[in-house]
Amino acid sequence: MTYPINIHDYMRDSKLGKGTFSEVFLYKTVSETSNNELVVKVINPKYYKYTLKELDFLKKIKKYNNPYVIDFLEHQIIKGDVRLFFFEKLSMNLYTYYKKRNYDIKDIINISYQMFKGIEFIHSLNVIHSDLKPENVLIDETTLKTKLIDFGSIIDKRKLTYKNFYVSTRYYRPPEIIYNLIFNEKIDIWSIGCIITELIRNKPLFMAK
């Protein structure tokens, strides 16, 4: 893959997801002589200011090349004000993986270790992920290489002076958030514990409404 990335060398293949501020697509190279794949996050121009925090963090972690967080490749502006974030492609997210694959306790230990190493690295940068769930963990189904993604909800640990009930996704939301208490980076550990239990049970630990 050459840099800077030329989006015109790729063709949109499929839609991978949609959020409030963006849509995520899989792109593949147009050329028959190469088979590169990219994950492209297309930011809605109206909401770009809400993604600046994520972009700053992605630029920060890029220099570390940590094996347990997603590889951020680059950021581009095209067609006036359309913003693109480019990422590496892994096979699937953890939710898809456990729904379609057979795995054993050794695999769960392997995946769990990598999630903890990823969140250890994120916390070392004074950041709380705050939205860990199976959909925000990517995995290579062959090697079981596991990486954390989606840093749109990160919180600076040094600025925790408030309470916020809407931190984290319902099934993975810890008690201190539910009871509107002051929280810290340990909310990510709770969420990972819920994910590990879900891998074992093949269903969420806490089915919340």
Protein backbone atom coordinates (compact mmCIF):
# COMPACT_ATOMS: atom_id res chain seq x y z
CA MET A 1 0.00 0.00 0.00
CA THR A 2 1.40 3.39 -1.00
CA TYR A 3 0.97 6.69 0.80
CA PRO A 4 -0.75 9.01 0.52
CA ILE A 5 -3.66 6.70 -0.29
CA ASN A 6 -5.45 7.49 -3.55
CA ILE A 7 -9.10 6.68 -2.96
CA HIS A 8 -9.62 6.46 -6.74
CA ASP A 9 -7.47 3.32 -6.76
CA TYR A 10 -10.20 1.64 -4.72
CA MET A 11 -13.82 0.68 -5.26
CA ARG A 12 -16.47 0.68 -2.56
CA ASP A 13 -17.34 -2.95 -1.80
CA SER A 14 -19.77 -3.03 1.12
CA LYS A 15 -21.12 -1.05 4.04
CA LEU A 16 -19.77 -2.16 7.41
CA GLY A 17 -21.65 0.11 9.76
CA LYS A 18 -23.25 3.44 10.50
CA GLY A 19 -23.06 5.80 13.45
CA THR A 20 -24.41 9.20 14.36
CA PHE A 21 -21.52 11.06 12.79
CA SER A 22 -20.25 8.70 10.10
CA GLU A 23 -20.63 5.63 7.90
CA VAL A 24 -18.01 2.90 7.52
CA PHE A 25 -17.29 1.08 4.26
CA LEU A 26 -14.98 -1.61 2.94
CA TYR A 27 -13.00 -0.55 -0.12
CA LYS A 28 -11.01 -2.86 -2.39
CA THR A 29 -8.41 -2.05 -5.03
CA VAL A 30 -9.69 -1.68 -8.59
CA SER A 31 -6.57 -3.19 -10.15
CA GLU A 32 -6.56 -6.90 -11.01
CA THR A 33 -2.91 -7.13 -10.00
CA SER A 34 -3.47 -6.20 -6.36
CA ASN A 35 -5.98 -7.09 -3.66
CA ASN A 36 -5.56 -4.39 -1.04
CA GLU A 37 -8.47 -3.66 1.30
CA LEU A 38 -9.21 -0.56 3.31
CA VAL A 39 -11.78 0.36 5.90
CA VAL A 40 -12.94 3.90 5.22
CA LYS A 41 -14.85 5.95 7.76
CA VAL A 42 -16.76 8.69 5.94
CA ILE A 43 -17.52 11.60 8.26
CA ASN A 44 -20.71 13.59 7.77
CA PRO A 45 -19.43 17.16 7.18
CA LYS A 46 -22.11 18.56 9.52
CA TYR A 47 -20.64 16.62 12.43
CA TYR A 48 -16.93 16.84 11.68
CA LYS A 49 -16.26 18.98 14.75
CA TYR A 50 -17.54 16.13 16.93
CA THR A 51 -14.91 13.77 15.49
CA LEU A 52 -11.90 16.03 16.06
CA LYS A 53 -11.22 14.45 19.46
CA GLU A 54 -11.12 11.00 17.86
CA LEU A 55 -8.88 12.21 15.03
CA ASP A 56 -6.41 13.76 17.48
CA PHE A 57 -6.24 10.50 19.43
CA LEU A 58 -5.80 8.41 16.27
CA LYS A 59 -2.89 10.61 15.22
CA LYS A 60 -1.40 10.21 18.69
CA ILE A 61 -1.58 6.41 18.80
CA LYS A 62 -0.36 6.01 15.21
CA LYS A 63 3.23 6.70 16.22
CA TYR A 64 3.17 3.88 18.79
CA ASN A 65 2.08 1.18 16.33
CA ASN A 66 0.55 -0.75 19.22
CA PRO A 67 -0.47 -4.28 18.14
CA TYR A 68 -3.67 -4.26 20.19
CA VAL A 69 -5.38 -1.18 18.75
CA ILE A 70 -6.50 -0.60 15.18
CA ASP A 71 -3.93 0.74 12.71
CA PHE A 72 -4.94 4.23 11.65
CA LEU A 73 -3.48 4.84 8.21
CA GLU A 74 -4.31 8.45 7.37
CA HIS A 75 -6.93 11.17 7.14
CA GLN A 76 -7.98 13.00 3.96
CA ILE A 77 -10.39 15.70 2.84
CA ILE A 78 -12.02 15.22 -0.56
CA LYS A 79 -14.79 16.88 -2.58
CA GLY A 80 -14.68 20.09 -0.63
CA ASP A 81 -15.47 19.01 2.90
CA VAL A 82 -15.89 15.22 2.93
CA ARG A 83 -13.55 13.76 5.55
CA LEU A 84 -12.18 10.23 5.27
CA PHE A 85 -10.42 8.19 7.95
CA PHE A 86 -8.51 5.17 6.61
CA PHE A 87 -7.94 2.03 8.70
CA GLU A 88 -6.52 -1.45 8.24
CA LYS A 89 -8.97 -4.27 7.50
CA LEU A 90 -9.46 -7.18 9.90
CA SER A 91 -11.79 -10.10 9.26
CA MET A 92 -14.75 -9.20 11.45
CA ASN A 93 -15.87 -7.79 14.78
CA LEU A 94 -16.03 -9.95 17.87
CA TYR A 95 -19.83 -10.17 17.84
CA THR A 96 -19.82 -11.65 14.32
CA TYR A 97 -16.97 -13.95 15.28
CA TYR A 98 -18.68 -15.59 18.24
CA LYS A 99 -21.95 -15.93 16.37
CA LYS A 100 -20.44 -17.82 13.43
CA ARG A 101 -17.35 -19.59 14.77
CA ASN A 102 -16.53 -22.53 17.01
CA TYR A 103 -13.85 -21.66 19.57
CA ASP A 104 -12.60 -22.98 22.90
CA ILE A 105 -11.46 -21.61 26.25
CA LYS A 106 -7.88 -21.21 24.99
CA ASP A 107 -9.17 -18.93 22.24
CA ILE A 108 -11.14 -16.90 24.80
CA ILE A 109 -8.01 -16.54 26.95
CA ASN A 110 -6.02 -15.40 23.91
CA ILE A 111 -8.66 -12.84 22.89
CA SER A 112 -9.10 -11.63 26.48
CA TYR A 113 -5.36 -11.11 26.93
CA GLN A 114 -5.21 -8.94 23.82
CA MET A 115 -8.22 -6.85 24.87
CA PHE A 116 -6.60 -6.20 28.27
CA LYS A 117 -3.29 -5.28 26.64
CA GLY A 118 -5.12 -2.89 24.34
CA ILE A 119 -6.98 -1.16 27.15
CA GLU A 120 -3.79 -1.06 29.27
CA PHE A 121 -2.14 0.89 26.45
CA ILE A 122 -5.11 3.26 26.06
CA HIS A 123 -5.21 3.93 29.81
CA SER A 124 -1.46 4.64 29.79
CA LEU A 125 -2.27 7.63 27.56
CA ASN A 126 -4.65 9.01 30.22
CA VAL A 127 -7.69 8.07 28.16
CA ILE A 128 -10.84 6.04 28.93
CA HIS A 129 -12.36 4.24 25.94
CA SER A 130 -15.87 4.25 27.53
CA ASP A 131 -17.63 2.25 24.78
CA LEU A 132 -16.14 -1.23 24.77
CA LYS A 133 -18.46 -3.90 23.33
CA PRO A 134 -18.03 -6.84 20.93
CA GLU A 135 -18.76 -4.60 17.94
CA ASN A 136 -15.82 -2.38 18.91
CA VAL A 137 -13.33 -5.23 18.99
CA LEU A 138 -11.97 -6.51 15.67
CA ILE A 139 -10.48 -9.96 15.18
CA ASP A 140 -8.69 -11.87 12.46
CA GLU A 141 -10.49 -15.20 12.39
CA THR A 142 -7.37 -17.10 11.28
CA THR A 143 -4.72 -15.75 13.63
CA LEU A 144 -7.07 -14.45 16.38
CA LYS A 145 -5.21 -11.13 16.26
CA THR A 146 -7.50 -8.84 18.26
CA LYS A 147 -7.65 -5.03 18.23
CA LEU A 148 -9.75 -2.34 19.88
CA ILE A 149 -11.48 0.23 17.66
CA ASP A 150 -13.81 3.26 17.74
CA PHE A 151 -12.39 6.07 19.82
CA GLY A 152 -15.24 8.49 19.24
CA SER A 153 -16.32 8.34 22.90
CA ILE A 154 -12.94 8.63 24.59
CA ILE A 155 -12.68 10.60 27.84
CA ASP A 156 -9.60 12.28 29.26
CA LYS A 157 -8.93 10.66 32.66
CA ARG A 158 -7.50 13.93 33.95
CA LYS A 159 -10.76 15.80 33.37
CA LEU A 160 -13.23 13.55 35.18
CA THR A 161 -15.22 16.16 37.09
CA TYR A 162 -18.71 15.06 36.11
CA LYS A 163 -21.22 12.23 36.04
CA ASN A 164 -22.82 10.97 32.84
CA PHE A 165 -25.44 8.22 32.63
CA TYR A 166 -25.01 7.85 28.87
CA VAL A 167 -21.42 6.67 28.95
CA SER A 168 -21.00 3.18 27.42
CA THR A 169 -23.52 0.91 25.70
CA ARG A 170 -26.33 -0.55 27.83
CA TYR A 171 -25.26 -4.20 28.07
CA TYR A 172 -21.71 -3.19 29.03
CA ARG A 173 -22.49 -0.21 31.28
CA PRO A 174 -21.03 -0.53 34.80
CA PRO A 175 -22.89 0.16 38.07
CA GLU A 176 -21.23 3.54 38.73
CA ILE A 177 -22.65 4.82 35.42
CA ILE A 178 -26.10 3.36 36.03
CA TYR A 179 -26.24 4.99 39.47
CA ASN A 180 -24.85 8.27 38.10
CA LEU A 181 -21.73 8.21 40.29
CA ILE A 182 -18.27 9.57 39.65
CA PHE A 183 -16.35 7.02 37.55
CA ASN A 184 -12.84 6.34 36.27
CA GLU A 185 -10.98 4.11 33.79
CA LYS A 186 -12.18 0.98 35.60
CA ILE A 187 -15.44 1.21 33.65
CA ASP A 188 -13.48 -0.23 30.71
CA ILE A 189 -12.44 -3.24 32.80
CA TRP A 190 -16.09 -3.91 33.65
CA SER A 191 -17.01 -3.77 29.96
CA ILE A 192 -14.26 -6.21 29.02
CA GLY A 193 -15.45 -8.56 31.76
CA CYS A 194 -18.94 -8.46 30.24
CA ILE A 195 -17.49 -9.20 26.79
CA ILE A 196 -15.50 -12.18 28.08
CA THR A 197 -18.60 -13.59 29.80
CA GLU A 198 -20.57 -13.10 26.59
CA LEU A 199 -17.97 -15.13 24.68
CA ILE A 200 -18.42 -17.95 27.20
CA ARG A 201 -22.24 -17.79 27.29
CA ASN A 202 -22.86 -16.83 23.65
CA LYS A 203 -25.22 -14.15 24.85
CA PRO A 204 -24.91 -10.88 26.79
CA LEU A 205 -24.47 -11.07 30.54
CA PHE A 206 -26.88 -8.21 31.27
CA MET A 207 -29.82 -7.83 28.89
CA ALA A 208 -30.69 -4.22 29.57
CA LYS A 209 -33.44 -2.00 28.20
